[in-house]
């Protein structure tokens, strides 16, 4: 899943080396925390959050039921 997130985000940013994805697995959910270079933050969020929503939709759809857990994508400031 981390590789999928990086593959989606990499073409959108100017600083692909600054992409970092962390996984936080809990009992009923798996959360991936995406952080990018501060200058790329607007590109990842998009107008009215549309790009961020699209990325989240792709990730949750691709994950399906990840070992019976919900999958979330958080975008860090």
PDB file of N, CA and C in Angstrom:
ATOM      1  N   UNK A   1       0.825  -1.189   0.000  1.00  0.00           N
ATOM      2  CA  UNK A   1       0.000   0.000   0.000  1.00  0.00           C
ATOM      3  C   UNK A   1       0.874   1.258   0.000  1.00  0.00           C
ATOM      4  N   UNK A   2       1.977   1.216   0.728  1.00  0.00           N
ATOM      5  CA  UNK A   2       2.875   2.372   0.759  1.00  0.00           C
ATOM      6  C   UNK A   2       3.412   2.670  -0.635  1.00  0.00           C
ATOM      7  N   UNK A   3       3.746   1.628  -1.380  1.00  0.00           N
ATOM      8  CA  UNK A   3       4.263   1.817  -2.739  1.00  0.00           C
ATOM      9  C   UNK A   3       3.193   2.407  -3.644  1.00  0.00           C
ATOM     10  N   UNK A   4       1.947   2.005  -3.485  1.00  0.00           N
ATOM     11  CA  UNK A   4       0.845   2.563  -4.269  1.00  0.00           C
ATOM     12  C   UNK A   4       0.706   4.052  -4.000  1.00  0.00           C
ATOM     13  N   UNK A   5       0.760   4.446  -2.743  1.00  0.00           N
ATOM     14  CA  UNK A   5       0.634   5.858  -2.382  1.00  0.00           C
ATOM     15  C   UNK A   5       1.772   6.665  -3.009  1.00  0.00           C
ATOM     16  N   UNK A   6       2.994   6.149  -2.909  1.00  0.00           N
ATOM     17  CA  UNK A   6       4.145   6.850  -3.495  1.00  0.00           C
ATOM     18  C   UNK A   6       4.018   6.942  -5.014  1.00  0.00           C
ATOM     19  N   UNK A   7       3.517   5.889  -5.649  1.00  0.00           N
ATOM     20  CA  UNK A   7       3.349   5.887  -7.095  1.00  0.00           C
ATOM     21  C   UNK A   7       2.324   6.928  -7.537  1.00  0.00           C
ATOM     22  N   UNK A   8       1.270   7.103  -6.769  1.00  0.00           N
ATOM     23  CA  UNK A   8       0.250   8.096  -7.094  1.00  0.00           C
ATOM     24  C   UNK A   8       0.773   9.510  -6.887  1.00  0.00           C
ATOM     25  N   UNK A   9       1.483   9.730  -5.797  1.00  0.00           N
ATOM     26  CA  UNK A   9       1.889  11.081  -5.396  1.00  0.00           C
ATOM     27  C   UNK A   9       3.109  11.586  -6.170  1.00  0.00           C
ATOM     28  N   UNK A  10       4.024  10.703  -6.518  1.00  0.00           N
ATOM     29  CA  UNK A  10       5.293  11.100  -7.134  1.00  0.00           C
ATOM     30  C   UNK A  10       5.148  12.025  -8.352  1.00  0.00           C
ATOM     31  N   UNK A  11       4.258  11.733  -9.313  1.00  0.00           N
ATOM     32  CA  UNK A  11       4.144  12.633 -10.471  1.00  0.00           C
ATOM     33  C   UNK A  11       3.527  13.998 -10.150  1.00  0.00           C
ATOM     34  N   UNK A  12       2.924  14.135  -8.982  1.00  0.00           N
ATOM     35  CA  UNK A  12       2.243  15.376  -8.626  1.00  0.00           C
ATOM     36  C   UNK A  12       3.148  16.409  -7.965  1.00  0.00           C
ATOM     37  N   UNK A  13       4.298  15.986  -7.473  1.00  0.00           N
ATOM     38  CA  UNK A  13       5.131  16.861  -6.655  1.00  0.00           C
ATOM     39  C   UNK A  13       6.421  17.277  -7.368  1.00  0.00           C
ATOM     40  N   UNK A  14       7.017  18.357  -6.874  1.00  0.00           N
ATOM     41  CA  UNK A  14       8.306  18.827  -7.390  1.00  0.00           C
ATOM     42  C   UNK A  14       9.481  18.203  -6.651  1.00  0.00           C
ATOM     43  N   UNK A  15       9.233  17.710  -5.437  1.00  0.00           N
ATOM     44  CA  UNK A  15      10.289  17.117  -4.607  1.00  0.00           C
ATOM     45  C   UNK A  15       9.933  15.670  -4.258  1.00  0.00           C
ATOM     46  N   UNK A  16      10.062  14.744  -5.230  1.00  0.00           N
ATOM     47  CA  UNK A  16       9.665  13.359  -4.961  1.00  0.00           C
ATOM     48  C   UNK A  16      10.522  12.671  -3.892  1.00  0.00           C
ATOM     49  N   UNK A  17      11.733  13.157  -3.676  1.00  0.00           N
ATOM     50  CA  UNK A  17      12.582  12.544  -2.651  1.00  0.00           C
ATOM     51  C   UNK A  17      12.081  12.843  -1.240  1.00  0.00           C
ATOM     52  N   UNK A  18      11.184  13.822  -1.099  1.00  0.00           N
ATOM     53  CA  UNK A  18      10.667  14.198   0.217  1.00  0.00           C
ATOM     54  C   UNK A  18       9.379  13.452   0.585  1.00  0.00           C
ATOM     55  N   UNK A  19       8.911  12.566  -0.283  1.00  0.00           N
ATOM     56  CA  UNK A  19       7.700  11.802   0.004  1.00  0.00           C
ATOM     57  C   UNK A  19       8.022  10.767   1.081  1.00  0.00           C
ATOM     58  N   UNK A  20       7.202  10.753   2.110  1.00  0.00           N
ATOM     59  CA  UNK A  20       7.400   9.798   3.204  1.00  0.00           C
ATOM     60  C   UNK A  20       6.040   9.254   3.626  1.00  0.00           C
ATOM     61  N   UNK A  21       5.937   7.936   3.713  1.00  0.00           N
ATOM     62  CA  UNK A  21       4.692   7.284   4.115  1.00  0.00           C
ATOM     63  C   UNK A  21       4.967   6.421   5.336  1.00  0.00           C
ATOM     64  N   UNK A  22       4.175   6.639   6.385  1.00  0.00           N
ATOM     65  CA  UNK A  22       4.269   5.853   7.614  1.00  0.00           C
ATOM     66  C   UNK A  22       3.008   5.035   7.779  1.00  0.00           C
ATOM     67  N   UNK A  23       3.143   3.845   8.306  1.00  0.00           N
ATOM     68  CA  UNK A  23       1.990   2.992   8.554  1.00  0.00           C
ATOM     69  C   UNK A  23       1.761   2.886  10.052  1.00  0.00           C
ATOM     70  N   UNK A  24       0.513   3.069  10.464  1.00  0.00           N
ATOM     71  CA  UNK A  24       0.130   2.928  11.868  1.00  0.00           C
ATOM     72  C   UNK A  24      -1.025   1.939  11.929  1.00  0.00           C
ATOM     73  N   UNK A  25      -0.746   0.730  12.388  1.00  0.00           N
ATOM     74  CA  UNK A  25      -1.768  -0.318  12.423  1.00  0.00           C
ATOM     75  C   UNK A  25      -2.305  -0.457  13.838  1.00  0.00           C
ATOM     76  N   UNK A  26      -3.626  -0.394  13.956  1.00  0.00           N
ATOM     77  CA  UNK A  26      -4.293  -0.561  15.238  1.00  0.00           C
ATOM     78  C   UNK A  26      -5.243  -1.747  15.137  1.00  0.00           C
ATOM     79  N   UNK A  27      -6.029  -1.981  16.157  1.00  0.00           N
ATOM     80  CA  UNK A  27      -6.861  -3.182  16.186  1.00  0.00           C
ATOM     81  C   UNK A  27      -7.899  -3.229  15.075  1.00  0.00           C
ATOM     82  N   UNK A  28      -8.513  -2.111  14.745  1.00  0.00           N
ATOM     83  CA  UNK A  28      -9.575  -2.133  13.747  1.00  0.00           C
ATOM     84  C   UNK A  28      -9.322  -1.222  12.556  1.00  0.00           C
ATOM     85  N   UNK A  29      -8.117  -0.660  12.448  1.00  0.00           N
ATOM     86  CA  UNK A  29      -7.821   0.228  11.338  1.00  0.00           C
ATOM     87  C   UNK A  29      -6.333   0.261  11.026  1.00  0.00           C
ATOM     88  N   UNK A  30      -6.044   0.596   9.762  1.00  0.00           N
ATOM     89  CA  UNK A  30      -4.671   0.816   9.332  1.00  0.00           C
ATOM     90  C   UNK A  30      -4.632   2.219   8.762  1.00  0.00           C
ATOM     91  N   UNK A  31      -3.804   3.072   9.336  1.00  0.00           N
ATOM     92  CA  UNK A  31      -3.699   4.450   8.879  1.00  0.00           C
ATOM     93  C   UNK A  31      -2.325   4.665   8.247  1.00  0.00           C
ATOM     94  N   UNK A  32      -2.332   5.249   7.069  1.00  0.00           N
ATOM     95  CA  UNK A  32      -1.092   5.617   6.401  1.00  0.00           C
ATOM     96  C   UNK A  32      -0.977   7.128   6.482  1.00  0.00           C
ATOM     97  N   UNK A  33       0.173   7.601   6.932  1.00  0.00           N
ATOM     98  CA  UNK A  33       0.401   9.036   7.081  1.00  0.00           C
ATOM     99  C   UNK A  33       1.360   9.480   5.981  1.00  0.00           C
ATOM    100  N   UNK A  34       0.880  10.345   5.110  1.00  0.00           N
ATOM    101  CA  UNK A  34       1.657  10.843   3.987  1.00  0.00           C
ATOM    102  C   UNK A  34       2.208  12.224   4.325  1.00  0.00           C
ATOM    103  N   UNK A  35       3.512  12.395   4.135  1.00  0.00           N
ATOM    104  CA  UNK A  35       4.101  13.721   4.291  1.00  0.00           C
ATOM    105  C   UNK A  35       4.935  14.022   3.050  1.00  0.00           C
ATOM    106  N   UNK A  36       4.864  15.269   2.622  1.00  0.00           N
ATOM    107  CA  UNK A  36       5.588  15.729   1.443  1.00  0.00           C
ATOM    108  C   UNK A  36       6.293  17.031   1.790  1.00  0.00           C
ATOM    109  N   UNK A  37       7.098  17.515   0.869  1.00  0.00           N
ATOM    110  CA  UNK A  37       7.780  18.796   1.042  1.00  0.00           C
ATOM    111  C   UNK A  37       6.713  19.880   1.232  1.00  0.00           C
ATOM    112  N   UNK A  38       6.972  20.860   2.104  1.00  0.00           N
ATOM    113  CA  UNK A  38       5.967  21.908   2.352  1.00  0.00           C
ATOM    114  C   UNK A  38       5.501  22.647   1.089  1.00  0.00           C
ATOM    115  N   UNK A  39       6.379  22.823   0.114  1.00  0.00           N
ATOM    116  CA  UNK A  39       5.985  23.511  -1.112  1.00  0.00           C
ATOM    117  C   UNK A  39       5.044  22.671  -1.983  1.00  0.00           C
ATOM    118  N   UNK A  40       5.040  21.362  -1.772  1.00  0.00           N
ATOM    119  CA  UNK A  40       4.187  20.466  -2.555  1.00  0.00           C
ATOM    120  C   UNK A  40       2.831  20.214  -1.899  1.00  0.00           C
ATOM    121  N   UNK A  41       2.626  20.726  -0.715  1.00  0.00           N
ATOM    122  CA  UNK A  41       1.399  20.444   0.021  1.00  0.00           C
ATOM    123  C   UNK A  41       0.142  20.878  -0.741  1.00  0.00           C
ATOM    124  N   UNK A  42       0.177  22.024  -1.355  1.00  0.00           N
ATOM    125  CA  UNK A  42      -0.981  22.512  -2.109  1.00  0.00           C
ATOM    126  C   UNK A  42      -1.309  21.627  -3.301  1.00  0.00           C
ATOM    127  N   UNK A  43      -0.292  21.066  -3.913  1.00  0.00           N
ATOM    128  CA  UNK A  43      -0.510  20.184  -5.070  1.00  0.00           C
ATOM    129  C   UNK A  43      -1.166  18.880  -4.645  1.00  0.00           C
ATOM    130  N   UNK A  44      -0.838  18.397  -3.469  1.00  0.00           N
ATOM    131  CA  UNK A  44      -1.406  17.153  -2.973  1.00  0.00           C
ATOM    132  C   UNK A  44      -2.845  17.361  -2.498  1.00  0.00           C
ATOM    133  N   UNK A  45      -3.117  18.499  -1.896  1.00  0.00           N
ATOM    134  CA  UNK A  45      -4.470  18.767  -1.412  1.00  0.00           C
ATOM    135  C   UNK A  45      -5.385  19.166  -2.575  1.00  0.00           C
ATOM    136  N   UNK A  46      -4.913  20.039  -3.463  1.00  0.00           N
ATOM    137  CA  UNK A  46      -5.706  20.453  -4.610  1.00  0.00           C
ATOM    138  C   UNK A  46      -6.781  21.455  -4.232  1.00  0.00           C
ATOM    139  N   UNK A  47      -7.465  21.950  -5.234  1.00  0.00           N
ATOM    140  CA  UNK A  47      -8.535  22.919  -4.987  1.00  0.00           C
ATOM    141  C   UNK A  47      -9.675  22.244  -4.246  1.00  0.00           C
ATOM    142  N   UNK A  48     -10.049  22.827  -3.135  1.00  0.00           N
ATOM    143  CA  UNK A  48     -11.127  22.341  -2.278  1.00  0.00           C
ATOM    144  C   UNK A  48     -10.910  20.888  -1.858  1.00  0.00           C
ATOM    145  N   UNK A  49      -9.660  20.435  -1.833  1.00  0.00           N
ATOM    146  CA  UNK A  49      -9.328  19.097  -1.364  1.00  0.00           C
ATOM    147  C   UNK A  49      -9.651  17.983  -2.340  1.00  0.00           C
ATOM    148  N   UNK A  50      -9.866  18.322  -3.591  1.00  0.00           N
ATOM    149  CA  UNK A  50     -10.287  17.305  -4.569  1.00  0.00           C
ATOM    150  C   UNK A  50      -9.200  16.277  -4.862  1.00  0.00           C
ATOM    151  N   UNK A  51      -7.951  16.711  -4.967  1.00  0.00           N
ATOM    152  CA  UNK A  51      -6.863  15.765  -5.238  1.00  0.00           C
ATOM    153  C   UNK A  51      -6.684  14.830  -4.044  1.00  0.00           C
ATOM    154  N   UNK A  52      -6.713  15.386  -2.840  1.00  0.00           N
ATOM    155  CA  UNK A  52      -6.578  14.563  -1.634  1.00  0.00           C
ATOM    156  C   UNK A  52      -7.719  13.552  -1.538  1.00  0.00           C
ATOM    157  N   UNK A  53      -8.931  13.977  -1.842  1.00  0.00           N
ATOM    158  CA  UNK A  53     -10.074  13.065  -1.817  1.00  0.00           C
ATOM    159  C   UNK A  53      -9.910  11.946  -2.841  1.00  0.00           C
ATOM    160  N   UNK A  54      -9.408  12.290  -4.023  1.00  0.00           N
ATOM    161  CA  UNK A  54      -9.205  11.281  -5.070  1.00  0.00           C
ATOM    162  C   UNK A  54      -8.150  10.262  -4.652  1.00  0.00           C
ATOM    163  N   UNK A  55      -7.064  10.746  -4.054  1.00  0.00           N
ATOM    164  CA  UNK A  55      -6.012   9.832  -3.590  1.00  0.00           C
ATOM    165  C   UNK A  55      -6.573   8.900  -2.511  1.00  0.00           C
ATOM    166  N   UNK A  56      -7.332   9.458  -1.573  1.00  0.00           N
ATOM    167  CA  UNK A  56      -7.925   8.645  -0.505  1.00  0.00           C
ATOM    168  C   UNK A  56      -8.881   7.594  -1.081  1.00  0.00           C
ATOM    169  N   UNK A  57      -9.662   7.983  -2.078  1.00  0.00           N
ATOM    170  CA  UNK A  57     -10.599   7.042  -2.698  1.00  0.00           C
ATOM    171  C   UNK A  57      -9.866   5.883  -3.343  1.00  0.00           C
ATOM    172  N   UNK A  58      -8.782   6.181  -4.063  1.00  0.00           N
ATOM    173  CA  UNK A  58      -8.008   5.125  -4.716  1.00  0.00           C
ATOM    174  C   UNK A  58      -7.396   4.186  -3.680  1.00  0.00           C
ATOM    175  N   UNK A  59      -6.836   4.752  -2.634  1.00  0.00           N
ATOM    176  CA  UNK A  59      -6.176   3.934  -1.612  1.00  0.00           C
ATOM    177  C   UNK A  59      -7.184   3.042  -0.890  1.00  0.00           C
ATOM    178  N   UNK A  60      -8.318   3.591  -0.482  1.00  0.00           N
ATOM    179  CA  UNK A  60      -9.296   2.771   0.236  1.00  0.00           C
ATOM    180  C   UNK A  60      -9.915   1.722  -0.683  1.00  0.00           C
ATOM    181  N   UNK A  61     -10.103   2.039  -1.951  1.00  0.00           N
ATOM    182  CA  UNK A  61     -10.647   1.059  -2.897  1.00  0.00           C
ATOM    183  C   UNK A  61      -9.651  -0.060  -3.162  1.00  0.00           C
ATOM    184  N   UNK A  62      -8.394   0.292  -3.328  1.00  0.00           N
ATOM    185  CA  UNK A  62      -7.361  -0.707  -3.597  1.00  0.00           C
ATOM    186  C   UNK A  62      -7.155  -1.612  -2.388  1.00  0.00           C
ATOM    187  N   UNK A  63      -7.311  -1.055  -1.196  1.00  0.00           N
ATOM    188  CA  UNK A  63      -7.098  -1.836   0.019  1.00  0.00           C
ATOM    189  C   UNK A  63      -8.238  -2.811   0.264  1.00  0.00           C
ATOM    190  N   UNK A  64      -9.439  -2.423  -0.148  1.00  0.00           N
ATOM    191  CA  UNK A  64     -10.589  -3.282   0.141  1.00  0.00           C
ATOM    192  C   UNK A  64     -10.711  -3.477   1.634  1.00  0.00           C
ATOM    193  N   UNK A  65     -10.769  -4.700   2.053  1.00  0.00           N
ATOM    194  CA  UNK A  65     -10.770  -5.009   3.476  1.00  0.00           C
ATOM    195  C   UNK A  65      -9.391  -5.556   3.808  1.00  0.00           C
ATOM    196  N   UNK A  66      -8.567  -4.721   4.328  1.00  0.00           N
ATOM    197  CA  UNK A  66      -7.176  -5.050   4.642  1.00  0.00           C
ATOM    198  C   UNK A  66      -7.141  -5.880   5.917  1.00  0.00           C
ATOM    199  N   UNK A  67      -7.240  -7.202   5.775  1.00  0.00           N
ATOM    200  CA  UNK A  67      -7.280  -8.129   6.913  1.00  0.00           C
ATOM    201  C   UNK A  67      -8.399  -7.764   7.892  1.00  0.00           C
ATOM    202  N   UNK A  68      -9.544  -7.351   7.333  1.00  0.00           N
ATOM    203  CA  UNK A  68     -10.684  -7.013   8.179  1.00  0.00           C
ATOM    204  C   UNK A  68     -10.589  -5.655   8.843  1.00  0.00           C
ATOM    205  N   UNK A  69      -9.671  -4.823   8.390  1.00  0.00           N
ATOM    206  CA  UNK A  69      -9.480  -3.505   8.990  1.00  0.00           C
ATOM    207  C   UNK A  69      -9.759  -2.416   7.968  1.00  0.00           C
ATOM    208  N   UNK A  70     -10.238  -1.283   8.433  1.00  0.00           N
ATOM    209  CA  UNK A  70     -10.455  -0.131   7.562  1.00  0.00           C
ATOM    210  C   UNK A  70      -9.113   0.537   7.287  1.00  0.00           C
ATOM    211  N   UNK A  71      -8.969   1.088   6.089  1.00  0.00           N
ATOM    212  CA  UNK A  71      -7.719   1.738   5.699  1.00  0.00           C
ATOM    213  C   UNK A  71      -7.982   3.228   5.529  1.00  0.00           C
ATOM    214  N   UNK A  72      -7.123   4.045   6.126  1.00  0.00           N
ATOM    215  CA  UNK A  72      -7.236   5.499   6.061  1.00  0.00           C
ATOM    216  C   UNK A  72      -5.939   6.102   5.572  1.00  0.00           C
ATOM    217  N   UNK A  73      -6.045   7.251   4.916  1.00  0.00           N
ATOM    218  CA  UNK A  73      -4.864   7.999   4.494  1.00  0.00           C
ATOM    219  C   UNK A  73      -4.944   9.380   5.104  1.00  0.00           C
ATOM    220  N   UNK A  74      -3.964   9.712   5.915  1.00  0.00           N
ATOM    221  CA  UNK A  74      -3.869  11.040   6.534  1.00  0.00           C
ATOM    222  C   UNK A  74      -2.744  11.795   5.839  1.00  0.00           C
ATOM    223  N   UNK A  75      -2.985  13.052   5.559  1.00  0.00           N
ATOM    224  CA  UNK A  75      -1.970  13.891   4.934  1.00  0.00           C
ATOM    225  C   UNK A  75      -1.449  14.853   5.993  1.00  0.00           C
ATOM    226  N   UNK A  76      -0.170  14.720   6.309  1.00  0.00           N
ATOM    227  CA  UNK A  76       0.437  15.521   7.378  1.00  0.00           C
ATOM    228  C   UNK A  76       0.822  16.889   6.872  1.00  0.00           C
ATOM    229  N   UNK A  77       0.757  17.858   7.771  1.00  0.00           N
ATOM    230  CA  UNK A  77       1.163  19.227   7.440  1.00  0.00           C
ATOM    231  C   UNK A  77       2.659  19.352   7.422  1.00  0.00           C
TER     232      UNK A  77
END
